[in-house]
């Protein structure tokens, strides 16, 4: 996966269409960068042969790099033939929720379809997970951060973004807890 060097934040767009790739193509034609989390799915073709296909994890979610203003994005959405909305901060606060460049970069790494020991969660499932905020300091995931959670006697690094979460298997010995000072908590 290519290194995300920019400092632009990202938006999560909820789609009300099944044409996810067409929406991504629409934004890419406008010069905007999109990301669709995908995974390999095994199936059979019409001749009964097994085939492995790369498919979106969630059909109604698209991530869009913020390289235009919020008003320009709203205008692009209005001009589009597809129904969609930018996920807001909360039901009370209608401002667009922005995902930091670092968080999105880590999320993209964790969504790499070549990594096998991974689980996708809904936002609600991700919020219900108890765990400790950690930095990964050793191993192939070194440099990532997230919540260390335990499920089925295994440890996972959980990264949550608006619309979904992803858990990837990690050894707890590779992680170091992030300790907040009293000033940061206030």
N, C-alpha and C. Protein backbone atom coordinates (compact mmCIF):
# COMPACT_ATOMS: atom_id res chain seq x y z
N UNK A 1 0.85 -1.17 0.00
CA UNK A 1 0.00 0.00 0.00
C UNK A 1 0.89 1.23 0.00
N UNK A 2 0.53 2.23 -0.79
CA UNK A 2 1.38 3.40 -0.88
C UNK A 2 1.29 4.23 0.38
N UNK A 3 2.36 4.95 0.67
CA UNK A 3 2.48 5.76 1.86
C UNK A 3 1.66 7.03 1.70
N UNK A 4 0.82 7.34 2.64
CA UNK A 4 0.00 8.54 2.62
C UNK A 4 0.79 9.66 3.29
N UNK A 5 1.39 10.55 2.50
CA UNK A 5 2.27 11.58 3.03
C UNK A 5 1.56 12.90 3.27
N UNK A 6 0.35 13.08 2.80
CA UNK A 6 -0.32 14.37 2.92
C UNK A 6 -0.87 14.57 4.32
N UNK A 7 -1.21 15.80 4.61
CA UNK A 7 -1.78 16.14 5.91
C UNK A 7 -3.27 16.44 5.81
N UNK A 8 -3.89 16.16 4.67
CA UNK A 8 -5.31 16.42 4.52
C UNK A 8 -6.14 15.42 5.32
N UNK A 9 -7.18 15.93 5.94
CA UNK A 9 -8.11 15.07 6.65
C UNK A 9 -9.01 14.36 5.64
N UNK A 10 -9.84 13.46 6.13
CA UNK A 10 -10.74 12.67 5.29
C UNK A 10 -12.16 12.79 5.82
N UNK A 11 -13.13 12.56 4.94
CA UNK A 11 -14.53 12.49 5.30
C UNK A 11 -15.02 11.07 5.04
N UNK A 12 -16.02 10.65 5.80
CA UNK A 12 -16.71 9.39 5.53
C UNK A 12 -18.06 9.76 4.93
N UNK A 13 -18.38 9.18 3.78
CA UNK A 13 -19.65 9.44 3.11
C UNK A 13 -20.54 8.21 3.19
N UNK A 14 -21.76 8.43 3.63
CA UNK A 14 -22.75 7.36 3.64
C UNK A 14 -23.50 7.43 2.32
N UNK A 15 -23.55 6.32 1.60
CA UNK A 15 -24.19 6.27 0.29
C UNK A 15 -25.58 5.65 0.40
N UNK A 16 -26.50 6.19 -0.38
CA UNK A 16 -27.85 5.65 -0.45
C UNK A 16 -28.08 5.08 -1.84
N UNK A 17 -27.05 4.40 -2.34
CA UNK A 17 -27.07 3.76 -3.64
C UNK A 17 -26.19 2.52 -3.56
N UNK A 18 -26.42 1.58 -4.45
CA UNK A 18 -25.57 0.39 -4.48
C UNK A 18 -24.40 0.57 -5.46
N UNK A 19 -24.30 1.73 -6.07
CA UNK A 19 -23.27 1.99 -7.09
C UNK A 19 -22.05 2.67 -6.47
N UNK A 20 -21.45 2.00 -5.51
CA UNK A 20 -20.32 2.54 -4.77
C UNK A 20 -19.15 2.92 -5.68
N UNK A 21 -18.78 2.05 -6.61
CA UNK A 21 -17.65 2.35 -7.49
C UNK A 21 -17.98 3.51 -8.42
N UNK A 22 -19.22 3.65 -8.85
CA UNK A 22 -19.61 4.78 -9.70
C UNK A 22 -19.47 6.10 -8.94
N UNK A 23 -19.81 6.10 -7.65
CA UNK A 23 -19.65 7.31 -6.82
C UNK A 23 -18.16 7.63 -6.69
N UNK A 24 -17.34 6.61 -6.44
CA UNK A 24 -15.89 6.83 -6.34
C UNK A 24 -15.35 7.38 -7.65
N UNK A 25 -15.80 6.83 -8.78
CA UNK A 25 -15.37 7.33 -10.09
C UNK A 25 -15.78 8.78 -10.29
N UNK A 26 -16.98 9.16 -9.85
CA UNK A 26 -17.48 10.53 -9.96
C UNK A 26 -16.52 11.49 -9.25
N UNK A 27 -16.16 11.16 -8.00
CA UNK A 27 -15.26 12.04 -7.24
C UNK A 27 -13.85 12.03 -7.82
N UNK A 28 -13.38 10.87 -8.28
CA UNK A 28 -12.04 10.81 -8.87
C UNK A 28 -11.98 11.61 -10.17
N UNK A 29 -13.08 11.64 -10.95
CA UNK A 29 -13.14 12.48 -12.15
C UNK A 29 -13.05 13.95 -11.79
N UNK A 30 -13.47 14.31 -10.58
CA UNK A 30 -13.39 15.70 -10.10
C UNK A 30 -12.03 16.00 -9.45
N UNK A 31 -11.12 15.01 -9.48
CA UNK A 31 -9.78 15.20 -8.94
C UNK A 31 -9.64 14.91 -7.46
N UNK A 32 -10.61 14.22 -6.86
CA UNK A 32 -10.57 13.91 -5.43
C UNK A 32 -10.16 12.46 -5.22
N UNK A 33 -9.46 12.20 -4.13
CA UNK A 33 -9.00 10.84 -3.82
C UNK A 33 -10.02 10.13 -2.95
N UNK A 34 -10.35 8.90 -3.30
CA UNK A 34 -11.33 8.08 -2.57
C UNK A 34 -10.65 6.81 -2.04
N UNK A 35 -11.27 6.25 -1.01
CA UNK A 35 -10.82 4.97 -0.47
C UNK A 35 -12.03 4.13 -0.14
N UNK A 36 -12.04 2.89 -0.62
CA UNK A 36 -13.09 1.92 -0.32
C UNK A 36 -12.41 0.71 0.31
N UNK A 37 -12.69 0.41 1.59
CA UNK A 37 -12.11 -0.79 2.20
C UNK A 37 -12.62 -2.04 1.48
N UNK A 38 -11.69 -2.93 1.09
CA UNK A 38 -12.07 -4.15 0.36
C UNK A 38 -11.44 -5.36 1.02
N UNK A 39 -12.04 -6.52 0.74
CA UNK A 39 -11.53 -7.80 1.24
C UNK A 39 -11.72 -8.85 0.17
N UNK A 40 -10.92 -9.91 0.26
CA UNK A 40 -11.06 -11.02 -0.67
C UNK A 40 -12.21 -11.91 -0.24
N UNK A 41 -13.03 -12.32 -1.21
CA UNK A 41 -14.16 -13.21 -0.97
C UNK A 41 -14.03 -14.39 -1.92
N UNK A 42 -14.12 -15.60 -1.38
CA UNK A 42 -14.05 -16.81 -2.20
C UNK A 42 -15.45 -17.17 -2.68
N UNK A 43 -15.53 -17.60 -3.93
CA UNK A 43 -16.81 -18.00 -4.51
C UNK A 43 -16.60 -18.89 -5.70
N UNK A 44 -17.68 -19.12 -6.44
CA UNK A 44 -17.61 -19.95 -7.64
C UNK A 44 -18.11 -19.16 -8.83
N UNK A 45 -17.49 -19.37 -9.98
CA UNK A 45 -18.00 -18.74 -11.19
C UNK A 45 -19.11 -19.61 -11.77
N UNK A 46 -19.66 -19.22 -12.93
CA UNK A 46 -20.80 -19.95 -13.50
C UNK A 46 -20.44 -21.35 -13.97
N UNK A 47 -19.14 -21.67 -14.07
CA UNK A 47 -18.70 -23.00 -14.48
C UNK A 47 -18.35 -23.88 -13.28
N UNK A 48 -18.57 -23.38 -12.06
CA UNK A 48 -18.29 -24.15 -10.86
C UNK A 48 -16.85 -24.08 -10.39
N UNK A 49 -16.03 -23.25 -11.04
CA UNK A 49 -14.64 -23.11 -10.61
C UNK A 49 -14.55 -22.09 -9.47
N UNK A 50 -13.68 -22.41 -8.52
CA UNK A 50 -13.47 -21.50 -7.38
C UNK A 50 -12.71 -20.28 -7.86
N UNK A 51 -13.14 -19.13 -7.37
CA UNK A 51 -12.43 -17.89 -7.70
C UNK A 51 -12.40 -16.99 -6.48
N UNK A 52 -11.39 -16.17 -6.43
CA UNK A 52 -11.20 -15.23 -5.33
C UNK A 52 -11.37 -13.84 -5.89
N UNK A 53 -12.24 -13.05 -5.26
CA UNK A 53 -12.60 -11.75 -5.79
C UNK A 53 -12.45 -10.67 -4.71
N UNK A 54 -11.97 -9.50 -5.10
CA UNK A 54 -11.83 -8.37 -4.19
C UNK A 54 -13.14 -7.58 -4.21
N UNK A 55 -13.80 -7.50 -3.03
CA UNK A 55 -15.10 -6.83 -2.92
C UNK A 55 -15.09 -5.83 -1.77
N UNK A 56 -15.92 -4.79 -1.86
CA UNK A 56 -16.02 -3.84 -0.75
C UNK A 56 -16.52 -4.52 0.52
N UNK A 57 -16.00 -4.07 1.65
CA UNK A 57 -16.41 -4.62 2.95
C UNK A 57 -17.81 -4.11 3.28
N UNK A 58 -18.03 -2.82 3.06
CA UNK A 58 -19.32 -2.19 3.34
C UNK A 58 -19.77 -1.52 2.05
N UNK A 59 -20.96 -1.81 1.61
CA UNK A 59 -21.45 -1.30 0.32
C UNK A 59 -21.91 0.15 0.34
N UNK A 60 -22.16 0.71 1.51
CA UNK A 60 -22.71 2.06 1.54
C UNK A 60 -21.77 3.08 2.19
N UNK A 61 -20.46 2.83 2.12
CA UNK A 61 -19.50 3.71 2.77
C UNK A 61 -18.33 3.99 1.84
N UNK A 62 -17.93 5.26 1.80
CA UNK A 62 -16.82 5.70 0.95
C UNK A 62 -16.06 6.75 1.73
N UNK A 63 -14.74 6.72 1.68
CA UNK A 63 -13.92 7.72 2.33
C UNK A 63 -13.35 8.65 1.28
N UNK A 64 -13.37 9.95 1.56
CA UNK A 64 -12.98 10.97 0.60
C UNK A 64 -11.99 11.92 1.24
N UNK A 65 -10.83 12.12 0.58
CA UNK A 65 -9.81 13.03 1.11
C UNK A 65 -10.29 14.46 0.98
N UNK A 66 -10.10 15.24 2.05
CA UNK A 66 -10.56 16.63 2.08
C UNK A 66 -9.53 17.53 1.38
N UNK A 67 -9.74 17.73 0.08
CA UNK A 67 -8.89 18.64 -0.68
C UNK A 67 -9.70 19.82 -1.21
N UNK A 68 -10.98 19.87 -0.83
CA UNK A 68 -11.86 20.99 -1.18
C UNK A 68 -12.53 21.47 0.11
N UNK A 69 -13.10 22.67 0.07
CA UNK A 69 -13.78 23.19 1.25
C UNK A 69 -15.09 22.44 1.47
N UNK A 70 -15.64 22.59 2.66
CA UNK A 70 -16.90 21.92 2.98
C UNK A 70 -18.02 22.38 2.05
N UNK A 71 -18.04 23.67 1.73
CA UNK A 71 -19.10 24.17 0.83
C UNK A 71 -18.93 23.63 -0.59
N UNK A 72 -17.67 23.48 -1.05
CA UNK A 72 -17.43 22.90 -2.37
C UNK A 72 -17.84 21.44 -2.40
N UNK A 73 -17.57 20.73 -1.31
CA UNK A 73 -17.97 19.32 -1.22
C UNK A 73 -19.49 19.20 -1.24
N UNK A 74 -20.16 20.07 -0.49
CA UNK A 74 -21.63 20.06 -0.47
C UNK A 74 -22.18 20.30 -1.88
N UNK A 75 -21.55 21.19 -2.63
CA UNK A 75 -21.99 21.47 -3.99
C UNK A 75 -21.75 20.27 -4.91
N UNK A 76 -20.60 19.60 -4.75
CA UNK A 76 -20.33 18.39 -5.55
C UNK A 76 -21.35 17.30 -5.26
N UNK A 77 -21.71 17.15 -4.00
CA UNK A 77 -22.70 16.14 -3.62
C UNK A 77 -24.06 16.49 -4.23
N UNK A 78 -24.41 17.77 -4.19
CA UNK A 78 -25.69 18.21 -4.76
C UNK A 78 -25.74 17.99 -6.27
N UNK A 79 -24.61 18.21 -6.96
CA UNK A 79 -24.54 18.05 -8.42
C UNK A 79 -24.54 16.58 -8.85
N UNK A 80 -24.17 15.70 -7.95
CA UNK A 80 -24.08 14.28 -8.27
C UNK A 80 -25.47 13.69 -8.49
N UNK A 81 -25.53 12.66 -9.32
CA UNK A 81 -26.80 11.96 -9.53
C UNK A 81 -27.06 10.91 -8.47
N UNK A 82 -26.10 10.74 -7.53
CA UNK A 82 -26.20 9.71 -6.51
C UNK A 82 -26.58 10.33 -5.16
N UNK A 83 -27.42 9.63 -4.40
CA UNK A 83 -27.82 10.09 -3.08
C UNK A 83 -26.76 9.69 -2.06
N UNK A 84 -26.30 10.68 -1.28
CA UNK A 84 -25.27 10.44 -0.27
C UNK A 84 -25.26 11.59 0.72
N UNK A 85 -24.53 11.39 1.82
CA UNK A 85 -24.32 12.46 2.79
C UNK A 85 -22.98 12.25 3.47
N UNK A 86 -22.39 13.35 3.93
CA UNK A 86 -21.17 13.27 4.72
C UNK A 86 -21.60 12.97 6.15
N UNK A 87 -20.95 12.01 6.80
CA UNK A 87 -21.32 11.63 8.16
C UNK A 87 -20.99 12.80 9.09
N UNK A 88 -21.99 13.25 9.87
CA UNK A 88 -21.78 14.38 10.78
C UNK A 88 -21.10 13.95 12.08
N UNK A 89 -20.66 14.94 12.86
CA UNK A 89 -20.01 14.67 14.14
C UNK A 89 -20.95 13.95 15.11
N UNK A 90 -22.21 14.35 15.14
CA UNK A 90 -23.21 13.68 15.98
C UNK A 90 -24.59 14.05 15.46
N UNK A 91 -25.61 13.47 16.06
CA UNK A 91 -26.97 13.79 15.62
C UNK A 91 -27.34 15.23 15.97
N UNK A 92 -26.72 15.79 17.00
CA UNK A 92 -26.97 17.18 17.39
C UNK A 92 -26.08 18.15 16.62
N UNK A 93 -24.82 17.78 16.41
CA UNK A 93 -23.84 18.64 15.74
C UNK A 93 -23.72 18.19 14.28
N UNK A 94 -24.25 18.96 13.37
CA UNK A 94 -24.31 18.58 11.96
C UNK A 94 -23.03 18.91 11.17
N UNK A 95 -21.98 19.41 11.85
CA UNK A 95 -20.72 19.66 11.15
C UNK A 95 -20.15 18.33 10.67
N UNK A 96 -19.42 18.38 9.54
CA UNK A 96 -18.84 17.17 8.99
C UNK A 96 -17.79 16.60 9.95
N UNK A 97 -17.84 15.28 10.17
CA UNK A 97 -16.83 14.61 10.98
C UNK A 97 -15.59 14.44 10.11
N UNK A 98 -14.45 14.93 10.60
CA UNK A 98 -13.20 14.82 9.86
C UNK A 98 -12.30 13.78 10.52
N UNK A 99 -11.76 12.90 9.70
CA UNK A 99 -10.82 11.88 10.16
C UNK A 99 -9.43 12.41 9.88
N UNK A 100 -8.57 12.42 10.89
CA UNK A 100 -7.22 12.97 10.69
C UNK A 100 -6.44 12.13 9.68
N UNK A 101 -5.47 12.76 9.05
CA UNK A 101 -4.65 12.07 8.04
C UNK A 101 -3.95 10.87 8.67
N UNK A 102 -3.45 11.00 9.89
CA UNK A 102 -2.75 9.90 10.56
C UNK A 102 -3.70 8.73 10.84
N UNK A 103 -4.89 9.04 11.38
CA UNK A 103 -5.86 7.99 11.66
C UNK A 103 -6.28 7.27 10.38
N UNK A 104 -6.49 8.03 9.31
CA UNK A 104 -6.91 7.42 8.05
C UNK A 104 -5.79 6.56 7.47
N UNK A 105 -4.55 7.04 7.58
CA UNK A 105 -3.41 6.25 7.08
C UNK A 105 -3.33 4.91 7.80
N UNK A 106 -3.47 4.94 9.13
CA UNK A 106 -3.43 3.70 9.91
C UNK A 106 -4.61 2.80 9.54
N UNK A 107 -5.78 3.39 9.35
CA UNK A 107 -6.96 2.62 8.97
C UNK A 107 -6.74 1.95 7.62
N UNK A 108 -6.15 2.66 6.65
CA UNK A 108 -5.89 2.09 5.33
C UNK A 108 -4.90 0.93 5.43
N UNK A 109 -3.88 1.06 6.26
CA UNK A 109 -2.92 -0.03 6.45
C UNK A 109 -3.64 -1.26 7.02
N UNK A 110 -4.49 -1.04 8.01
CA UNK A 110 -5.18 -2.15 8.65
C UNK A 110 -6.22 -2.79 7.73
N UNK A 111 -6.68 -2.06 6.72
CA UNK A 111 -7.66 -2.59 5.77
C UNK A 111 -7.00 -3.30 4.59
N UNK A 112 -5.69 -3.43 4.57
CA UNK A 112 -4.99 -4.10 3.49
C UNK A 112 -5.57 -5.50 3.31
N UNK A 113 -6.12 -5.81 2.12
CA UNK A 113 -6.78 -7.12 1.94
C UNK A 113 -5.83 -8.30 2.00
N UNK A 114 -4.53 -8.07 1.97
CA UNK A 114 -3.56 -9.16 2.06
C UNK A 114 -3.42 -9.68 3.49
N UNK A 115 -3.84 -8.89 4.47
CA UNK A 115 -3.76 -9.30 5.87
C UNK A 115 -4.96 -10.18 6.17
N UNK A 116 -4.70 -11.40 6.60
CA UNK A 116 -5.77 -12.38 6.78
C UNK A 116 -6.48 -12.29 8.12
N UNK A 117 -5.77 -12.07 9.20
CA UNK A 117 -6.37 -12.12 10.54
C UNK A 117 -6.96 -10.76 10.89
N UNK A 118 -8.08 -10.44 10.27
CA UNK A 118 -8.71 -9.13 10.42
C UNK A 118 -10.22 -9.33 10.52
N UNK A 119 -10.86 -8.44 11.28
CA UNK A 119 -12.32 -8.47 11.41
C UNK A 119 -12.84 -7.05 11.24
N UNK A 120 -13.98 -6.93 10.56
CA UNK A 120 -14.63 -5.63 10.40
C UNK A 120 -15.83 -5.56 11.33
N UNK A 121 -16.04 -4.37 11.90
CA UNK A 121 -17.13 -4.16 12.84
C UNK A 121 -17.95 -2.94 12.45
N UNK A 122 -19.20 -2.91 12.91
CA UNK A 122 -19.99 -1.70 12.75
C UNK A 122 -19.51 -0.69 13.79
N UNK A 123 -19.87 0.57 13.62
CA UNK A 123 -19.48 1.60 14.58
C UNK A 123 -19.98 1.25 15.97
N UNK A 124 -21.21 0.75 16.07
CA UNK A 124 -21.78 0.40 17.38
C UNK A 124 -21.00 -0.73 18.04
N UNK A 125 -20.65 -1.77 17.26
CA UNK A 125 -19.87 -2.89 17.81
C UNK A 125 -18.51 -2.40 18.29
N UNK A 126 -17.88 -1.51 17.53
CA UNK A 126 -16.55 -1.00 17.89
C UNK A 126 -16.62 -0.21 19.19
N UNK A 127 -17.66 0.58 19.36
CA UNK A 127 -17.80 1.40 20.58
C UNK A 127 -18.04 0.55 21.81
N UNK A 128 -18.62 -0.64 21.65
CA UNK A 128 -18.91 -1.51 22.78
C UNK A 128 -17.67 -2.24 23.29
N UNK A 129 -16.60 -2.25 22.50
CA UNK A 129 -15.39 -2.97 22.90
C UNK A 129 -14.63 -2.21 23.97
N UNK A 130 -14.32 -2.89 25.07
CA UNK A 130 -13.48 -2.31 26.11
C UNK A 130 -12.04 -2.63 25.79
N UNK A 131 -11.15 -1.71 26.06
CA UNK A 131 -9.74 -1.95 25.82
C UNK A 131 -8.90 -0.77 26.23
N UNK A 132 -7.61 -0.94 26.10
CA UNK A 132 -6.63 0.08 26.46
C UNK A 132 -6.07 0.72 25.20
N UNK A 133 -5.95 2.05 25.21
CA UNK A 133 -5.32 2.74 24.09
C UNK A 133 -3.83 2.40 24.09
N UNK A 134 -3.31 1.94 22.93
CA UNK A 134 -1.92 1.50 22.84
C UNK A 134 -1.26 2.01 21.56
N UNK A 135 0.07 2.02 21.60
CA UNK A 135 0.90 2.19 20.41
C UNK A 135 1.57 0.85 20.17
N UNK A 136 1.67 0.42 18.91
CA UNK A 136 2.40 -0.81 18.59
C UNK A 136 3.86 -0.40 18.41
N UNK A 137 4.75 -1.00 19.22
CA UNK A 137 6.16 -0.60 19.21
C UNK A 137 7.07 -1.65 18.59
N UNK A 138 6.58 -2.85 18.33
CA UNK A 138 7.38 -3.91 17.72
C UNK A 138 6.55 -4.62 16.66
N UNK A 139 7.23 -5.29 15.74
CA UNK A 139 6.56 -6.14 14.77
C UNK A 139 6.12 -5.41 13.50
N UNK A 140 5.39 -6.12 12.64
CA UNK A 140 5.00 -5.56 11.34
C UNK A 140 4.01 -4.40 11.43
N UNK A 141 3.32 -4.26 12.56
CA UNK A 141 2.36 -3.17 12.73
C UNK A 141 2.95 -1.99 13.50
N UNK A 142 4.27 -1.98 13.68
CA UNK A 142 4.95 -0.94 14.44
C UNK A 142 4.56 0.44 13.91
N UNK A 143 4.23 1.34 14.85
CA UNK A 143 3.86 2.70 14.49
C UNK A 143 2.36 2.94 14.50
N UNK A 144 1.55 1.87 14.49
CA UNK A 144 0.11 2.04 14.52
C UNK A 144 -0.36 2.26 15.96
N UNK A 145 -1.51 2.86 16.10
CA UNK A 145 -2.10 3.03 17.42
C UNK A 145 -3.57 2.66 17.35
N UNK A 146 -4.16 2.38 18.48
CA UNK A 146 -5.56 2.00 18.54
C UNK A 146 -5.89 1.46 19.91
N UNK A 147 -6.97 0.72 19.99
CA UNK A 147 -7.41 0.15 21.25
C UNK A 147 -7.10 -1.34 21.23
N UNK A 148 -6.40 -1.83 22.27
CA UNK A 148 -6.09 -3.25 22.39
C UNK A 148 -7.28 -3.94 23.04
N UNK A 149 -7.93 -4.84 22.30
CA UNK A 149 -9.12 -5.54 22.80
C UNK A 149 -8.88 -7.04 22.73
N UNK A 150 -9.61 -7.77 23.55
CA UNK A 150 -9.50 -9.22 23.57
C UNK A 150 -10.82 -9.83 23.13
N UNK A 151 -10.72 -10.80 22.24
CA UNK A 151 -11.91 -11.50 21.77
C UNK A 151 -11.51 -12.94 21.45
N UNK A 152 -12.26 -13.88 21.94
CA UNK A 152 -12.01 -15.31 21.70
C UNK A 152 -10.58 -15.71 22.05
N UNK A 153 -10.12 -15.22 23.18
CA UNK A 153 -8.78 -15.53 23.72
C UNK A 153 -7.65 -15.03 22.82
N UNK A 154 -7.94 -14.08 21.93
CA UNK A 154 -6.92 -13.48 21.07
C UNK A 154 -6.96 -11.97 21.26
N UNK A 155 -5.82 -11.32 21.00
CA UNK A 155 -5.74 -9.87 21.11
C UNK A 155 -5.79 -9.23 19.73
N UNK A 156 -6.50 -8.11 19.65
CA UNK A 156 -6.66 -7.37 18.40
C UNK A 156 -6.40 -5.89 18.64
N UNK A 157 -5.87 -5.23 17.62
CA UNK A 157 -5.75 -3.78 17.61
C UNK A 157 -6.98 -3.25 16.90
N UNK A 158 -7.77 -2.43 17.58
CA UNK A 158 -9.02 -1.90 17.04
C UNK A 158 -8.82 -0.45 16.61
N UNK A 159 -9.17 -0.16 15.37
CA UNK A 159 -9.13 1.21 14.83
C UNK A 159 -10.55 1.54 14.40
N UNK A 160 -11.09 2.62 14.94
CA UNK A 160 -12.46 3.02 14.64
C UNK A 160 -12.46 4.33 13.87
N UNK A 161 -13.24 4.37 12.79
CA UNK A 161 -13.49 5.60 12.03
C UNK A 161 -15.00 5.68 11.84
N UNK A 162 -15.53 6.85 11.50
CA UNK A 162 -16.98 6.95 11.33
C UNK A 162 -17.50 5.94 10.32
N UNK A 163 -18.48 5.19 10.70
CA UNK A 163 -19.10 4.23 9.80
C UNK A 163 -18.64 2.80 9.99
N UNK A 164 -17.46 2.59 10.56
CA UNK A 164 -16.99 1.22 10.74
C UNK A 164 -15.75 1.17 11.62
N UNK A 165 -15.36 -0.03 11.98
CA UNK A 165 -14.13 -0.27 12.72
C UNK A 165 -13.47 -1.51 12.14
N UNK A 166 -12.16 -1.62 12.37
CA UNK A 166 -11.44 -2.79 11.90
C UNK A 166 -10.54 -3.29 13.04
N UNK A 167 -10.52 -4.60 13.22
CA UNK A 167 -9.65 -5.22 14.23
C UNK A 167 -8.66 -6.11 13.50
N UNK A 168 -7.39 -5.99 13.89
CA UNK A 168 -6.36 -6.83 13.29
C UNK A 168 -5.61 -7.52 14.42
N UNK A 169 -5.33 -8.81 14.22
CA UNK A 169 -4.67 -9.60 15.26
C UNK A 169 -3.28 -9.06 15.53
N UNK A 170 -2.96 -8.93 16.81
CA UNK A 170 -1.67 -8.40 17.24
C UNK A 170 -1.28 -9.09 18.54
N UNK A 171 0.00 -9.21 18.77
CA UNK A 171 0.48 -9.74 20.04
C UNK A 171 0.47 -8.61 21.06
N UNK A 172 -0.07 -8.88 22.23
CA UNK A 172 -0.12 -7.81 23.24
C UNK A 172 1.26 -7.39 23.69
N UNK A 173 2.26 -8.26 23.49
CA UNK A 173 3.63 -7.94 23.90
C UNK A 173 4.26 -6.91 22.96
N UNK A 174 3.68 -6.71 21.81
CA UNK A 174 4.18 -5.71 20.86
C UNK A 174 3.61 -4.33 21.13
N UNK A 175 2.71 -4.22 22.11
CA UNK A 175 2.00 -2.97 22.35
C UNK A 175 2.45 -2.31 23.65
N UNK A 176 2.39 -0.99 23.65
CA UNK A 176 2.72 -0.20 24.83
C UNK A 176 1.53 0.72 25.12
N UNK A 177 1.01 0.69 26.35
CA UNK A 177 -0.14 1.54 26.67
C UNK A 177 0.20 3.02 26.51
N UNK A 178 -0.78 3.78 26.04
CA UNK A 178 -0.63 5.23 25.96
C UNK A 178 -1.12 5.78 27.28
N UNK A 179 -0.25 6.44 27.99
CA UNK A 179 -0.60 6.97 29.31
C UNK A 179 -0.87 8.46 29.15
N UNK A 180 -2.10 8.86 29.51
CA UNK A 180 -2.48 10.27 29.43
C UNK A 180 -2.12 10.95 30.73
N UNK A 181 -1.56 12.15 30.62
CA UNK A 181 -1.29 12.93 31.83
C UNK A 181 -2.58 13.55 32.31
N UNK A 182 -2.60 14.05 33.54
CA UNK A 182 -3.80 14.68 34.09
C UNK A 182 -4.21 15.90 33.28
N UNK A 183 -3.24 16.62 32.70
CA UNK A 183 -3.54 17.80 31.89
C UNK A 183 -4.27 17.41 30.62
N UNK A 184 -3.88 16.28 29.97
CA UNK A 184 -4.52 15.83 28.74
C UNK A 184 -5.94 15.37 28.98
N UNK A 185 -6.21 14.78 30.16
CA UNK A 185 -7.54 14.30 30.48
C UNK A 185 -8.52 15.44 30.68
N UNK A 186 -8.03 16.57 31.18
CA UNK A 186 -8.91 17.72 31.49
C UNK A 186 -9.36 18.46 30.25
